[in-house]
């Protein structure tokens, strides 16, 4: 893994890790997606959203929301 750092105690037992923030966010996104896909209703909503062709860009949405 890229730049993953392991933390160990005095007995060389690994007690933790430090991961780059990009990798952490990727892992969190995968975890959230897996959680949402457990629900049949949410799975269908996600698939419908993925198939949707109309809509506005993220930038346009932010502008309309004033953020």
PDB file of N, CA and C in Angstrom:
ATOM      1  N   UNK A   1       0.844  -1.183   0.000  1.00  0.00           N
ATOM      2  CA  UNK A   1       0.000   0.000   0.000  1.00  0.00           C
ATOM      3  C   UNK A   1       0.887   1.243   0.000  1.00  0.00           C
ATOM      4  N   UNK A   2       0.381   2.270  -0.570  1.00  0.00           N
ATOM      5  CA  UNK A   2       1.136   3.505  -0.727  1.00  0.00           C
ATOM      6  C   UNK A   2       1.287   4.279   0.583  1.00  0.00           C
ATOM      7  N   UNK A   3       2.505   4.397   1.060  1.00  0.00           N
ATOM      8  CA  UNK A   3       2.830   5.218   2.229  1.00  0.00           C
ATOM      9  C   UNK A   3       2.028   4.903   3.482  1.00  0.00           C
ATOM     10  N   UNK A   4       1.588   3.660   3.638  1.00  0.00           N
ATOM     11  CA  UNK A   4       0.922   3.271   4.871  1.00  0.00           C
ATOM     12  C   UNK A   4       2.001   3.049   5.921  1.00  0.00           C
ATOM     13  N   UNK A   5       1.808   3.649   7.087  1.00  0.00           N
ATOM     14  CA  UNK A   5       2.789   3.524   8.164  1.00  0.00           C
ATOM     15  C   UNK A   5       2.177   2.719   9.301  1.00  0.00           C
ATOM     16  N   UNK A   6       2.937   1.777   9.801  1.00  0.00           N
ATOM     17  CA  UNK A   6       2.466   0.932  10.887  1.00  0.00           C
ATOM     18  C   UNK A   6       3.036   1.419  12.208  1.00  0.00           C
ATOM     19  N   UNK A   7       2.220   1.382  13.236  1.00  0.00           N
ATOM     20  CA  UNK A   7       2.623   1.784  14.573  1.00  0.00           C
ATOM     21  C   UNK A   7       2.692   0.506  15.408  1.00  0.00           C
ATOM     22  N   UNK A   8       3.801   0.322  16.113  1.00  0.00           N
ATOM     23  CA  UNK A   8       3.935  -0.886  16.927  1.00  0.00           C
ATOM     24  C   UNK A   8       4.340  -0.515  18.353  1.00  0.00           C
ATOM     25  N   UNK A   9       4.054  -1.444  19.255  1.00  0.00           N
ATOM     26  CA  UNK A   9       4.432  -1.228  20.651  1.00  0.00           C
ATOM     27  C   UNK A   9       5.853  -1.736  20.886  1.00  0.00           C
ATOM     28  N   UNK A  10       6.259  -1.746  22.154  1.00  0.00           N
ATOM     29  CA  UNK A  10       7.627  -2.147  22.480  1.00  0.00           C
ATOM     30  C   UNK A  10       7.913  -3.615  22.171  1.00  0.00           C
ATOM     31  N   UNK A  11       6.850  -4.412  21.956  1.00  0.00           N
ATOM     32  CA  UNK A  11       7.014  -5.828  21.606  1.00  0.00           C
ATOM     33  C   UNK A  11       6.880  -6.061  20.100  1.00  0.00           C
ATOM     34  N   UNK A  12       6.897  -4.983  19.342  1.00  0.00           N
ATOM     35  CA  UNK A  12       6.732  -5.015  17.886  1.00  0.00           C
ATOM     36  C   UNK A  12       5.365  -5.527  17.447  1.00  0.00           C
ATOM     37  N   UNK A  13       4.390  -5.472  18.320  1.00  0.00           N
ATOM     38  CA  UNK A  13       3.021  -5.819  17.949  1.00  0.00           C
ATOM     39  C   UNK A  13       2.400  -4.584  17.300  1.00  0.00           C
ATOM     40  N   UNK A  14       1.861  -4.758  16.110  1.00  0.00           N
ATOM     41  CA  UNK A  14       1.239  -3.629  15.405  1.00  0.00           C
ATOM     42  C   UNK A  14      -0.026  -3.223  16.153  1.00  0.00           C
ATOM     43  N   UNK A  15      -0.086  -1.950  16.510  1.00  0.00           N
ATOM     44  CA  UNK A  15      -1.215  -1.428  17.285  1.00  0.00           C
ATOM     45  C   UNK A  15      -2.034  -0.392  16.518  1.00  0.00           C
ATOM     46  N   UNK A  16      -1.548   0.034  15.371  1.00  0.00           N
ATOM     47  CA  UNK A  16      -2.275   1.029  14.597  1.00  0.00           C
ATOM     48  C   UNK A  16      -1.602   1.282  13.262  1.00  0.00           C
ATOM     49  N   UNK A  17      -2.268   2.089  12.456  1.00  0.00           N
ATOM     50  CA  UNK A  17      -1.725   2.469  11.149  1.00  0.00           C
ATOM     51  C   UNK A  17      -2.008   3.937  10.887  1.00  0.00           C
ATOM     52  N   UNK A  18      -1.176   4.520  10.058  1.00  0.00           N
ATOM     53  CA  UNK A  18      -1.410   5.863   9.540  1.00  0.00           C
ATOM     54  C   UNK A  18      -1.532   5.714   8.038  1.00  0.00           C
ATOM     55  N   UNK A  19      -2.644   6.204   7.490  1.00  0.00           N
ATOM     56  CA  UNK A  19      -2.860   6.090   6.042  1.00  0.00           C
ATOM     57  C   UNK A  19      -3.026   7.484   5.440  1.00  0.00           C
ATOM     58  N   UNK A  20      -2.641   7.663   4.183  1.00  0.00           N
ATOM     59  CA  UNK A  20      -2.845   8.956   3.527  1.00  0.00           C
ATOM     60  C   UNK A  20      -4.341   9.294   3.483  1.00  0.00           C
ATOM     61  N   UNK A  21      -4.655  10.571   3.604  1.00  0.00           N
ATOM     62  CA  UNK A  21      -6.057  10.997   3.666  1.00  0.00           C
ATOM     63  C   UNK A  21      -6.826  10.581   2.424  1.00  0.00           C
ATOM     64  N   UNK A  22      -6.185  10.574   1.255  1.00  0.00           N
ATOM     65  CA  UNK A  22      -6.873  10.154   0.030  1.00  0.00           C
ATOM     66  C   UNK A  22      -7.332   8.704   0.141  1.00  0.00           C
ATOM     67  N   UNK A  23      -6.478   7.844   0.660  1.00  0.00           N
ATOM     68  CA  UNK A  23      -6.829   6.441   0.846  1.00  0.00           C
ATOM     69  C   UNK A  23      -7.916   6.294   1.904  1.00  0.00           C
ATOM     70  N   UNK A  24      -7.820   7.063   2.984  1.00  0.00           N
ATOM     71  CA  UNK A  24      -8.834   7.018   4.028  1.00  0.00           C
ATOM     72  C   UNK A  24     -10.208   7.386   3.474  1.00  0.00           C
ATOM     73  N   UNK A  25     -10.258   8.444   2.692  1.00  0.00           N
ATOM     74  CA  UNK A  25     -11.547   8.865   2.119  1.00  0.00           C
ATOM     75  C   UNK A  25     -12.107   7.814   1.174  1.00  0.00           C
ATOM     76  N   UNK A  26     -11.235   7.177   0.421  1.00  0.00           N
ATOM     77  CA  UNK A  26     -11.662   6.110  -0.487  1.00  0.00           C
ATOM     78  C   UNK A  26     -12.244   4.938   0.310  1.00  0.00           C
ATOM     79  N   UNK A  27     -11.586   4.573   1.383  1.00  0.00           N
ATOM     80  CA  UNK A  27     -12.078   3.484   2.227  1.00  0.00           C
ATOM     81  C   UNK A  27     -13.421   3.843   2.859  1.00  0.00           C
ATOM     82  N   UNK A  28     -13.563   5.074   3.323  1.00  0.00           N
ATOM     83  CA  UNK A  28     -14.820   5.526   3.918  1.00  0.00           C
ATOM     84  C   UNK A  28     -15.947   5.517   2.896  1.00  0.00           C
ATOM     85  N   UNK A  29     -15.669   5.963   1.676  1.00  0.00           N
ATOM     86  CA  UNK A  29     -16.690   5.977   0.627  1.00  0.00           C
ATOM     87  C   UNK A  29     -17.145   4.552   0.318  1.00  0.00           C
ATOM     88  N   UNK A  30     -16.201   3.623   0.246  1.00  0.00           N
ATOM     89  CA  UNK A  30     -16.551   2.221  -0.004  1.00  0.00           C
ATOM     90  C   UNK A  30     -17.415   1.669   1.125  1.00  0.00           C
ATOM     91  N   UNK A  31     -17.080   2.024   2.339  1.00  0.00           N
ATOM     92  CA  UNK A  31     -17.839   1.568   3.506  1.00  0.00           C
ATOM     93  C   UNK A  31     -19.271   2.122   3.478  1.00  0.00           C
ATOM     94  N   UNK A  32     -19.417   3.403   3.155  1.00  0.00           N
ATOM     95  CA  UNK A  32     -20.739   4.023   3.086  1.00  0.00           C
ATOM     96  C   UNK A  32     -21.574   3.408   1.976  1.00  0.00           C
ATOM     97  N   UNK A  33     -20.954   3.157   0.822  1.00  0.00           N
ATOM     98  CA  UNK A  33     -21.674   2.541  -0.297  1.00  0.00           C
ATOM     99  C   UNK A  33     -22.143   1.149   0.080  1.00  0.00           C
ATOM    100  N   UNK A  34     -21.283   0.361   0.702  1.00  0.00           N
ATOM    101  CA  UNK A  34     -21.656  -0.988   1.124  1.00  0.00           C
ATOM    102  C   UNK A  34     -22.841  -0.942   2.094  1.00  0.00           C
ATOM    103  N   UNK A  35     -22.816   0.021   3.008  1.00  0.00           N
ATOM    104  CA  UNK A  35     -23.918   0.166   3.965  1.00  0.00           C
ATOM    105  C   UNK A  35     -25.228   0.489   3.236  1.00  0.00           C
ATOM    106  N   UNK A  36     -25.167   1.417   2.291  1.00  0.00           N
ATOM    107  CA  UNK A  36     -26.375   1.798   1.563  1.00  0.00           C
ATOM    108  C   UNK A  36     -26.906   0.651   0.709  1.00  0.00           C
ATOM    109  N   UNK A  37     -26.023  -0.149   0.147  1.00  0.00           N
ATOM    110  CA  UNK A  37     -26.446  -1.243  -0.722  1.00  0.00           C
ATOM    111  C   UNK A  37     -27.107  -2.387   0.051  1.00  0.00           C
ATOM    112  N   UNK A  38     -27.000  -2.404   1.376  1.00  0.00           N
ATOM    113  CA  UNK A  38     -27.668  -3.429   2.179  1.00  0.00           C
ATOM    114  C   UNK A  38     -29.180  -3.269   2.124  1.00  0.00           C
ATOM    115  N   UNK A  39     -29.639  -2.043   1.950  1.00  0.00           N
ATOM    116  CA  UNK A  39     -31.070  -1.756   1.892  1.00  0.00           C
ATOM    117  C   UNK A  39     -31.552  -1.888   0.451  1.00  0.00           C
ATOM    118  N   UNK A  40     -32.585  -2.689   0.242  1.00  0.00           N
ATOM    119  CA  UNK A  40     -33.141  -2.869  -1.106  1.00  0.00           C
ATOM    120  C   UNK A  40     -33.634  -1.528  -1.652  1.00  0.00           C
ATOM    121  N   UNK A  41     -34.283  -0.747  -0.808  1.00  0.00           N
ATOM    122  CA  UNK A  41     -34.809   0.554  -1.238  1.00  0.00           C
ATOM    123  C   UNK A  41     -33.680   1.491  -1.649  1.00  0.00           C
ATOM    124  N   UNK A  42     -32.648   1.579  -0.818  1.00  0.00           N
ATOM    125  CA  UNK A  42     -31.534   2.473  -1.138  1.00  0.00           C
ATOM    126  C   UNK A  42     -30.769   1.984  -2.358  1.00  0.00           C
ATOM    127  N   UNK A  43     -30.635   0.669  -2.509  1.00  0.00           N
ATOM    128  CA  UNK A  43     -29.957   0.121  -3.687  1.00  0.00           C
ATOM    129  C   UNK A  43     -30.687   0.551  -4.957  1.00  0.00           C
ATOM    130  N   UNK A  44     -32.007   0.449  -4.947  1.00  0.00           N
ATOM    131  CA  UNK A  44     -32.787   0.839  -6.119  1.00  0.00           C
ATOM    132  C   UNK A  44     -32.663   2.337  -6.380  1.00  0.00           C
ATOM    133  N   UNK A  45     -32.690   3.149  -5.334  1.00  0.00           N
ATOM    134  CA  UNK A  45     -32.537   4.598  -5.508  1.00  0.00           C
ATOM    135  C   UNK A  45     -31.170   4.947  -6.090  1.00  0.00           C
ATOM    136  N   UNK A  46     -30.130   4.280  -5.603  1.00  0.00           N
ATOM    137  CA  UNK A  46     -28.784   4.536  -6.129  1.00  0.00           C
ATOM    138  C   UNK A  46     -28.676   4.131  -7.599  1.00  0.00           C
ATOM    139  N   UNK A  47     -29.258   2.980  -7.936  1.00  0.00           N
ATOM    140  CA  UNK A  47     -29.215   2.532  -9.332  1.00  0.00           C
ATOM    141  C   UNK A  47     -30.005   3.471 -10.238  1.00  0.00           C
ATOM    142  N   UNK A  48     -31.145   3.955  -9.764  1.00  0.00           N
ATOM    143  CA  UNK A  48     -31.925   4.923 -10.549  1.00  0.00           C
ATOM    144  C   UNK A  48     -31.126   6.204 -10.756  1.00  0.00           C
ATOM    145  N   UNK A  49     -30.480   6.676  -9.716  1.00  0.00           N
ATOM    146  CA  UNK A  49     -29.687   7.902  -9.828  1.00  0.00           C
ATOM    147  C   UNK A  49     -28.521   7.701 -10.789  1.00  0.00           C
ATOM    148  N   UNK A  50     -27.911   6.536 -10.757  1.00  0.00           N
ATOM    149  CA  UNK A  50     -26.790   6.244 -11.643  1.00  0.00           C
ATOM    150  C   UNK A  50     -27.218   6.229 -13.109  1.00  0.00           C
ATOM    151  N   UNK A  51     -28.437   5.743 -13.361  1.00  0.00           N
ATOM    152  CA  UNK A  51     -28.943   5.661 -14.741  1.00  0.00           C
ATOM    153  C   UNK A  51     -29.490   6.992 -15.253  1.00  0.00           C
ATOM    154  N   UNK A  52     -29.746   7.918 -14.342  1.00  0.00           N
ATOM    155  CA  UNK A  52     -30.354   9.196 -14.701  1.00  0.00           C
ATOM    156  C   UNK A  52     -29.440   9.962 -15.653  1.00  0.00           C
ATOM    157  N   UNK A  53     -30.007  10.490 -16.720  1.00  0.00           N
ATOM    158  CA  UNK A  53     -29.227  11.232 -17.721  1.00  0.00           C
ATOM    159  C   UNK A  53     -29.409  12.743 -17.596  1.00  0.00           C
ATOM    160  N   UNK A  54     -30.527  13.176 -17.027  1.00  0.00           N
ATOM    161  CA  UNK A  54     -30.757  14.613 -16.887  1.00  0.00           C
ATOM    162  C   UNK A  54     -30.209  15.080 -15.547  1.00  0.00           C
ATOM    163  N   UNK A  55     -30.139  16.341 -15.364  1.00  0.00           N
ATOM    164  CA  UNK A  55     -29.632  16.891 -14.112  1.00  0.00           C
ATOM    165  C   UNK A  55     -28.728  18.078 -14.393  1.00  0.00           C
ATOM    166  N   UNK A  56     -28.097  18.561 -13.328  1.00  0.00           N
ATOM    167  CA  UNK A  56     -27.195  19.696 -13.465  1.00  0.00           C
ATOM    168  C   UNK A  56     -25.832  19.318 -12.890  1.00  0.00           C
ATOM    169  N   UNK A  57     -24.844  20.072 -13.251  1.00  0.00           N
ATOM    170  CA  UNK A  57     -23.495  19.788 -12.772  1.00  0.00           C
ATOM    171  C   UNK A  57     -23.384  20.120 -11.284  1.00  0.00           C
ATOM    172  N   UNK A  58     -22.385  19.560 -10.655  1.00  0.00           N
ATOM    173  CA  UNK A  58     -22.125  19.828  -9.246  1.00  0.00           C
ATOM    174  C   UNK A  58     -21.892  21.312  -9.022  1.00  0.00           C
ATOM    175  N   UNK A  59     -21.134  21.923  -9.918  1.00  0.00           N
ATOM    176  CA  UNK A  59     -20.845  23.353  -9.801  1.00  0.00           C
ATOM    177  C   UNK A  59     -22.113  24.185  -9.883  1.00  0.00           C
ATOM    178  N   UNK A  60     -23.013  23.850 -10.818  1.00  0.00           N
ATOM    179  CA  UNK A  60     -24.277  24.572 -10.940  1.00  0.00           C
ATOM    180  C   UNK A  60     -25.139  24.398  -9.689  1.00  0.00           C
ATOM    181  N   UNK A  61     -25.149  23.197  -9.138  1.00  0.00           N
ATOM    182  CA  UNK A  61     -25.926  22.944  -7.921  1.00  0.00           C
ATOM    183  C   UNK A  61     -25.393  23.786  -6.763  1.00  0.00           C
ATOM    184  N   UNK A  62     -24.075  23.844  -6.632  1.00  0.00           N
ATOM    185  CA  UNK A  62     -23.469  24.659  -5.571  1.00  0.00           C
ATOM    186  C   UNK A  62     -23.825  26.123  -5.746  1.00  0.00           C
ATOM    187  N   UNK A  63     -23.791  26.590  -6.991  1.00  0.00           N
ATOM    188  CA  UNK A  63     -24.119  27.988  -7.260  1.00  0.00           C
ATOM    189  C   UNK A  63     -25.554  28.284  -6.903  1.00  0.00           C
ATOM    190  N   UNK A  64     -26.477  27.373  -7.273  1.00  0.00           N
ATOM    191  CA  UNK A  64     -27.894  27.586  -6.963  1.00  0.00           C
ATOM    192  C   UNK A  64     -28.148  27.566  -5.458  1.00  0.00           C
ATOM    193  N   UNK A  65     -27.358  26.753  -4.742  1.00  0.00           N
ATOM    194  CA  UNK A  65     -27.505  26.665  -3.297  1.00  0.00           C
ATOM    195  C   UNK A  65     -26.747  27.761  -2.554  1.00  0.00           C
ATOM    196  N   UNK A  66     -25.940  28.497  -3.304  1.00  0.00           N
ATOM    197  CA  UNK A  66     -25.171  29.582  -2.700  1.00  0.00           C
ATOM    198  C   UNK A  66     -24.010  29.096  -1.858  1.00  0.00           C
ATOM    199  N   UNK A  67     -23.447  27.972  -2.253  1.00  0.00           N
ATOM    200  CA  UNK A  67     -22.286  27.457  -1.491  1.00  0.00           C
ATOM    201  C   UNK A  67     -21.064  27.328  -2.378  1.00  0.00           C
TER     202      UNK A  67
END
